Amino acid sequence: MSPETDQEDRRQMLRMRTACLVEGGTLLLLLFVAVPLKHLAGFPDAVRAMGPIHGLAFLTYVWMLIRMVSAGGWSRGETIKLLIAAVVPFGALFSARTLTRRATPAPTV
């Protein structure tokens, strides 16, 4: 693997980590801000606004995950974990940690 390819893989991992955190953040905003505003305060516009934003973030995350996995180097188990973490509140933190570990270059001896 050339240094340029390795560096591009790290950049892709960090972009994926960003998409993961955006998706996770929009999920948390939807679940813990917009839904309570809808049901407790009678403000359904919060869900109408946040729902599509989260939907777009989720689709972007899944699209990026498919591209990253198709490039190779990911096991089926890791892929499933990253996908499941996208639908679990605070799961993005797990995914971000996993992606950060994979992006960090191994120490050379």
N, C-alpha and C. Protein backbone atom coordinates (compact mmCIF):
# COMPACT_ATOMS: atom_id res chain seq x y z
N MET A 1 0.84 -1.18 0.00
CA MET A 1 0.00 0.00 0.00
C MET A 1 0.89 1.24 0.00
N SER A 2 0.63 2.15 -0.91
CA SER A 2 1.46 3.35 -1.01
C SER A 2 1.06 4.35 0.08
N PRO A 3 1.98 5.24 0.43
CA PRO A 3 1.65 6.25 1.45
C PRO A 3 0.48 7.13 1.04
N GLU A 4 0.34 7.41 -0.27
CA GLU A 4 -0.77 8.24 -0.72
C GLU A 4 -2.10 7.53 -0.51
N THR A 5 -2.14 6.23 -0.82
CA THR A 5 -3.37 5.45 -0.64
C THR A 5 -3.71 5.34 0.84
N ASP A 6 -2.69 5.11 1.66
CA ASP A 6 -2.91 5.01 3.10
C ASP A 6 -3.46 6.32 3.65
N GLN A 7 -2.91 7.43 3.20
CA GLN A 7 -3.38 8.74 3.66
C GLN A 7 -4.81 9.01 3.19
N GLU A 8 -5.14 8.61 1.97
CA GLU A 8 -6.50 8.79 1.47
C GLU A 8 -7.48 7.93 2.26
N ASP A 9 -7.08 6.73 2.65
CA ASP A 9 -7.93 5.87 3.47
C ASP A 9 -8.20 6.52 4.82
N ARG A 10 -7.16 7.13 5.41
CA ARG A 10 -7.35 7.83 6.69
C ARG A 10 -8.31 9.00 6.54
N ARG A 11 -8.16 9.75 5.45
CA ARG A 11 -9.07 10.88 5.21
C ARG A 11 -10.51 10.40 5.04
N GLN A 12 -10.68 9.29 4.32
CA GLN A 12 -12.02 8.72 4.14
C GLN A 12 -12.60 8.30 5.48
N MET A 13 -11.78 7.70 6.35
CA MET A 13 -12.23 7.30 7.68
C MET A 13 -12.69 8.52 8.49
N LEU A 14 -11.93 9.59 8.41
CA LEU A 14 -12.29 10.79 9.16
C LEU A 14 -13.55 11.44 8.59
N ARG A 15 -13.74 11.40 7.27
CA ARG A 15 -15.00 11.90 6.69
C ARG A 15 -16.16 11.03 7.16
N MET A 16 -15.92 9.73 7.21
CA MET A 16 -16.96 8.81 7.68
C MET A 16 -17.28 9.08 9.14
N ARG A 17 -16.27 9.37 9.93
CA ARG A 17 -16.48 9.69 11.35
C ARG A 17 -17.33 10.95 11.49
N THR A 18 -17.06 11.95 10.66
CA THR A 18 -17.86 13.18 10.68
C THR A 18 -19.31 12.88 10.33
N ALA A 19 -19.53 12.09 9.26
CA ALA A 19 -20.90 11.72 8.88
C ALA A 19 -21.58 10.96 10.00
N CYS A 20 -20.83 10.11 10.67
CA CYS A 20 -21.37 9.34 11.79
C CYS A 20 -21.83 10.26 12.93
N LEU A 21 -21.01 11.23 13.27
CA LEU A 21 -21.36 12.14 14.36
C LEU A 21 -22.52 13.05 13.99
N VAL A 22 -22.59 13.47 12.73
CA VAL A 22 -23.72 14.29 12.29
C VAL A 22 -25.00 13.47 12.36
N GLU A 23 -24.96 12.23 11.86
CA GLU A 23 -26.13 11.36 11.90
C GLU A 23 -26.56 11.11 13.35
N GLY A 24 -25.61 10.80 14.21
CA GLY A 24 -25.93 10.56 15.61
C GLY A 24 -26.48 11.79 16.31
N GLY A 25 -25.92 12.94 15.98
CA GLY A 25 -26.41 14.18 16.58
C GLY A 25 -27.83 14.51 16.16
N THR A 26 -28.13 14.30 14.88
CA THR A 26 -29.49 14.58 14.42
C THR A 26 -30.49 13.58 15.02
N LEU A 27 -30.04 12.34 15.22
CA LEU A 27 -30.92 11.36 15.87
C LEU A 27 -31.23 11.79 17.29
N LEU A 28 -30.23 12.24 18.02
CA LEU A 28 -30.45 12.69 19.40
C LEU A 28 -31.35 13.92 19.44
N LEU A 29 -31.14 14.86 18.54
CA LEU A 29 -32.01 16.04 18.48
C LEU A 29 -33.45 15.65 18.17
N LEU A 30 -33.60 14.72 17.26
CA LEU A 30 -34.96 14.26 16.91
C LEU A 30 -35.63 13.59 18.10
N LEU A 31 -34.92 12.66 18.75
CA LEU A 31 -35.53 11.89 19.84
C LEU A 31 -35.71 12.68 21.13
N PHE A 32 -34.73 13.50 21.47
CA PHE A 32 -34.75 14.15 22.79
C PHE A 32 -35.17 15.61 22.78
N VAL A 33 -35.34 16.19 21.60
CA VAL A 33 -35.80 17.58 21.52
C VAL A 33 -37.10 17.66 20.72
N ALA A 34 -37.07 17.21 19.48
CA ALA A 34 -38.22 17.39 18.59
C ALA A 34 -39.43 16.57 19.02
N VAL A 35 -39.24 15.29 19.34
CA VAL A 35 -40.37 14.44 19.73
C VAL A 35 -41.01 14.93 21.04
N PRO A 36 -40.22 15.26 22.08
CA PRO A 36 -40.87 15.82 23.27
C PRO A 36 -41.59 17.14 23.00
N LEU A 37 -41.02 17.98 22.12
CA LEU A 37 -41.73 19.22 21.78
C LEU A 37 -43.06 18.92 21.12
N LYS A 38 -43.09 17.90 20.30
CA LYS A 38 -44.32 17.53 19.61
C LYS A 38 -45.37 17.03 20.60
N HIS A 39 -44.97 16.11 21.47
CA HIS A 39 -45.94 15.46 22.34
C HIS A 39 -46.22 16.21 23.64
N LEU A 40 -45.26 16.91 24.18
CA LEU A 40 -45.46 17.59 25.45
C LEU A 40 -45.85 19.06 25.29
N ALA A 41 -45.37 19.69 24.23
CA ALA A 41 -45.64 21.11 24.05
C ALA A 41 -46.60 21.38 22.90
N GLY A 42 -47.03 20.31 22.22
CA GLY A 42 -47.95 20.49 21.10
C GLY A 42 -47.34 21.25 19.94
N PHE A 43 -46.07 21.01 19.67
CA PHE A 43 -45.36 21.70 18.60
C PHE A 43 -44.87 20.68 17.57
N PRO A 44 -45.78 20.22 16.68
CA PRO A 44 -45.40 19.17 15.72
C PRO A 44 -44.43 19.64 14.64
N ASP A 45 -44.27 20.94 14.48
CA ASP A 45 -43.35 21.44 13.46
C ASP A 45 -41.90 21.07 13.75
N ALA A 46 -41.60 20.81 15.02
CA ALA A 46 -40.22 20.42 15.36
C ALA A 46 -39.86 19.10 14.70
N VAL A 47 -40.78 18.13 14.73
CA VAL A 47 -40.53 16.84 14.09
C VAL A 47 -40.57 16.98 12.58
N ARG A 48 -41.47 17.82 12.09
CA ARG A 48 -41.54 18.04 10.64
C ARG A 48 -40.25 18.64 10.10
N ALA A 49 -39.58 19.42 10.90
CA ALA A 49 -38.31 20.03 10.47
C ALA A 49 -37.13 19.08 10.68
N MET A 50 -37.09 18.45 11.84
CA MET A 50 -35.93 17.62 12.19
C MET A 50 -35.97 16.26 11.52
N GLY A 51 -37.13 15.73 11.26
CA GLY A 51 -37.26 14.40 10.64
C GLY A 51 -36.54 14.29 9.31
N PRO A 52 -36.82 15.17 8.35
CA PRO A 52 -36.12 15.09 7.06
C PRO A 52 -34.62 15.36 7.17
N ILE A 53 -34.23 16.22 8.09
CA ILE A 53 -32.80 16.50 8.27
C ILE A 53 -32.10 15.23 8.73
N HIS A 54 -32.69 14.55 9.72
CA HIS A 54 -32.10 13.30 10.19
C HIS A 54 -32.15 12.24 9.09
N GLY A 55 -33.23 12.19 8.35
CA GLY A 55 -33.34 11.21 7.27
C GLY A 55 -32.24 11.38 6.25
N LEU A 56 -31.95 12.60 5.88
CA LEU A 56 -30.87 12.87 4.93
C LEU A 56 -29.52 12.50 5.53
N ALA A 57 -29.32 12.83 6.80
CA ALA A 57 -28.05 12.48 7.46
C ALA A 57 -27.89 10.96 7.54
N PHE A 58 -28.97 10.25 7.82
CA PHE A 58 -28.92 8.79 7.91
C PHE A 58 -28.60 8.17 6.55
N LEU A 59 -29.28 8.65 5.50
CA LEU A 59 -29.02 8.12 4.16
C LEU A 59 -27.59 8.41 3.71
N THR A 60 -27.07 9.59 4.05
CA THR A 60 -25.69 9.92 3.72
C THR A 60 -24.73 8.99 4.44
N TYR A 61 -24.99 8.73 5.72
CA TYR A 61 -24.15 7.82 6.50
C TYR A 61 -24.16 6.42 5.90
N VAL A 62 -25.33 5.91 5.57
CA VAL A 62 -25.43 4.56 5.01
C VAL A 62 -24.72 4.51 3.65
N TRP A 63 -24.91 5.53 2.83
CA TRP A 63 -24.23 5.58 1.53
C TRP A 63 -22.71 5.57 1.70
N MET A 64 -22.21 6.38 2.64
CA MET A 64 -20.77 6.42 2.88
C MET A 64 -20.27 5.09 3.45
N LEU A 65 -21.08 4.46 4.30
CA LEU A 65 -20.70 3.16 4.86
C LEU A 65 -20.59 2.11 3.76
N ILE A 66 -21.54 2.11 2.85
CA ILE A 66 -21.50 1.15 1.73
C ILE A 66 -20.26 1.39 0.88
N ARG A 67 -19.94 2.63 0.58
CA ARG A 67 -18.75 2.94 -0.21
C ARG A 67 -17.48 2.51 0.50
N MET A 68 -17.42 2.76 1.82
CA MET A 68 -16.23 2.42 2.59
C MET A 68 -16.04 0.91 2.66
N VAL A 69 -17.12 0.19 2.91
CA VAL A 69 -17.05 -1.26 3.03
C VAL A 69 -16.72 -1.90 1.68
N SER A 70 -17.27 -1.36 0.61
CA SER A 70 -17.01 -1.93 -0.71
C SER A 70 -15.55 -1.72 -1.13
N ALA A 71 -14.88 -0.75 -0.54
CA ALA A 71 -13.46 -0.55 -0.84
C ALA A 71 -12.60 -1.64 -0.22
N GLY A 72 -13.15 -2.35 0.77
CA GLY A 72 -12.44 -3.48 1.34
C GLY A 72 -11.85 -3.19 2.71
N GLY A 73 -11.46 -4.27 3.38
CA GLY A 73 -10.80 -4.14 4.67
C GLY A 73 -11.73 -4.16 5.87
N TRP A 74 -13.02 -4.35 5.66
CA TRP A 74 -13.96 -4.37 6.77
C TRP A 74 -14.64 -5.74 6.84
N SER A 75 -14.73 -6.27 8.03
CA SER A 75 -15.40 -7.56 8.20
C SER A 75 -16.91 -7.34 8.21
N ARG A 76 -17.62 -8.42 8.00
CA ARG A 76 -19.09 -8.35 8.04
C ARG A 76 -19.57 -7.92 9.42
N GLY A 77 -18.92 -8.42 10.47
CA GLY A 77 -19.30 -8.06 11.84
C GLY A 77 -19.13 -6.58 12.12
N GLU A 78 -17.99 -6.02 11.67
CA GLU A 78 -17.76 -4.59 11.88
C GLU A 78 -18.80 -3.75 11.13
N THR A 79 -19.12 -4.18 9.93
CA THR A 79 -20.10 -3.46 9.12
C THR A 79 -21.46 -3.47 9.79
N ILE A 80 -21.87 -4.63 10.29
CA ILE A 80 -23.17 -4.74 10.96
C ILE A 80 -23.20 -3.89 12.23
N LYS A 81 -22.10 -3.88 12.97
CA LYS A 81 -22.03 -3.05 14.19
C LYS A 81 -22.18 -1.57 13.85
N LEU A 82 -21.50 -1.13 12.79
CA LEU A 82 -21.60 0.28 12.40
C LEU A 82 -23.01 0.63 11.93
N LEU A 83 -23.67 -0.31 11.28
CA LEU A 83 -25.03 -0.07 10.81
C LEU A 83 -26.02 -0.04 11.98
N ILE A 84 -25.90 -0.99 12.89
CA ILE A 84 -26.79 -1.03 14.06
C ILE A 84 -26.58 0.21 14.94
N ALA A 85 -25.34 0.62 15.09
CA ALA A 85 -25.05 1.79 15.93
C ALA A 85 -25.71 3.06 15.38
N ALA A 86 -26.03 3.07 14.09
CA ALA A 86 -26.66 4.24 13.50
C ALA A 86 -28.12 4.40 13.92
N VAL A 87 -28.75 3.33 14.38
CA VAL A 87 -30.16 3.42 14.76
C VAL A 87 -30.36 3.39 16.27
N VAL A 88 -29.27 3.30 17.02
CA VAL A 88 -29.34 3.29 18.48
C VAL A 88 -28.90 4.65 19.00
N PRO A 89 -29.69 5.27 19.88
CA PRO A 89 -29.24 6.55 20.45
C PRO A 89 -27.87 6.39 21.11
N PHE A 90 -27.00 7.32 20.90
CA PHE A 90 -25.62 7.34 21.38
C PHE A 90 -24.75 6.28 20.73
N GLY A 91 -25.27 5.53 19.78
CA GLY A 91 -24.48 4.54 19.06
C GLY A 91 -23.41 5.19 18.20
N ALA A 92 -23.62 6.42 17.81
CA ALA A 92 -22.63 7.13 17.00
C ALA A 92 -21.32 7.29 17.75
N LEU A 93 -21.37 7.36 19.06
CA LEU A 93 -20.14 7.47 19.84
C LEU A 93 -19.30 6.20 19.68
N PHE A 94 -19.97 5.04 19.69
CA PHE A 94 -19.28 3.77 19.46
C PHE A 94 -18.66 3.76 18.06
N SER A 95 -19.44 4.15 17.08
CA SER A 95 -18.97 4.14 15.69
C SER A 95 -17.81 5.11 15.51
N ALA A 96 -17.92 6.29 16.09
CA ALA A 96 -16.86 7.29 15.96
C ALA A 96 -15.56 6.77 16.56
N ARG A 97 -15.65 6.11 17.69
CA ARG A 97 -14.46 5.54 18.32
C ARG A 97 -13.84 4.47 17.43
N THR A 98 -14.69 3.59 16.87
CA THR A 98 -14.21 2.55 15.97
C THR A 98 -13.51 3.15 14.75
N LEU A 99 -14.13 4.16 14.16
CA LEU A 99 -13.56 4.80 12.97
C LEU A 99 -12.26 5.55 13.30
N THR A 100 -12.19 6.16 14.47
CA THR A 100 -10.98 6.87 14.87
C THR A 100 -9.84 5.88 15.03
N ARG A 101 -10.11 4.73 15.66
CA ARG A 101 -9.08 3.70 15.82
C ARG A 101 -8.56 3.22 14.47
N ARG A 102 -9.48 3.01 13.53
CA ARG A 102 -9.06 2.52 12.22
C ARG A 102 -8.30 3.59 11.44
N ALA A 103 -8.58 4.86 11.70
CA ALA A 103 -7.89 5.95 10.98
C ALA A 103 -6.53 6.27 11.55
N THR A 104 -6.31 5.91 12.80
CA THR A 104 -5.04 6.19 13.45
C THR A 104 -3.97 5.26 12.90
N PRO A 105 -2.88 5.81 12.41
CA PRO A 105 -1.83 4.95 11.86
C PRO A 105 -1.19 4.10 12.95
N ALA A 106 -0.84 2.89 12.57
CA ALA A 106 -0.18 1.99 13.51
C ALA A 106 1.22 2.51 13.80
N PRO A 107 1.65 2.40 15.06
CA PRO A 107 3.00 2.87 15.38
C PRO A 107 4.05 2.01 14.67
N THR A 108 5.05 2.66 14.15
CA THR A 108 6.11 1.93 13.47
C THR A 108 7.26 1.68 14.46
N VAL A 109 7.84 0.53 14.35
CA VAL A 109 8.90 0.16 15.28
C VAL A 109 10.22 0.16 14.55
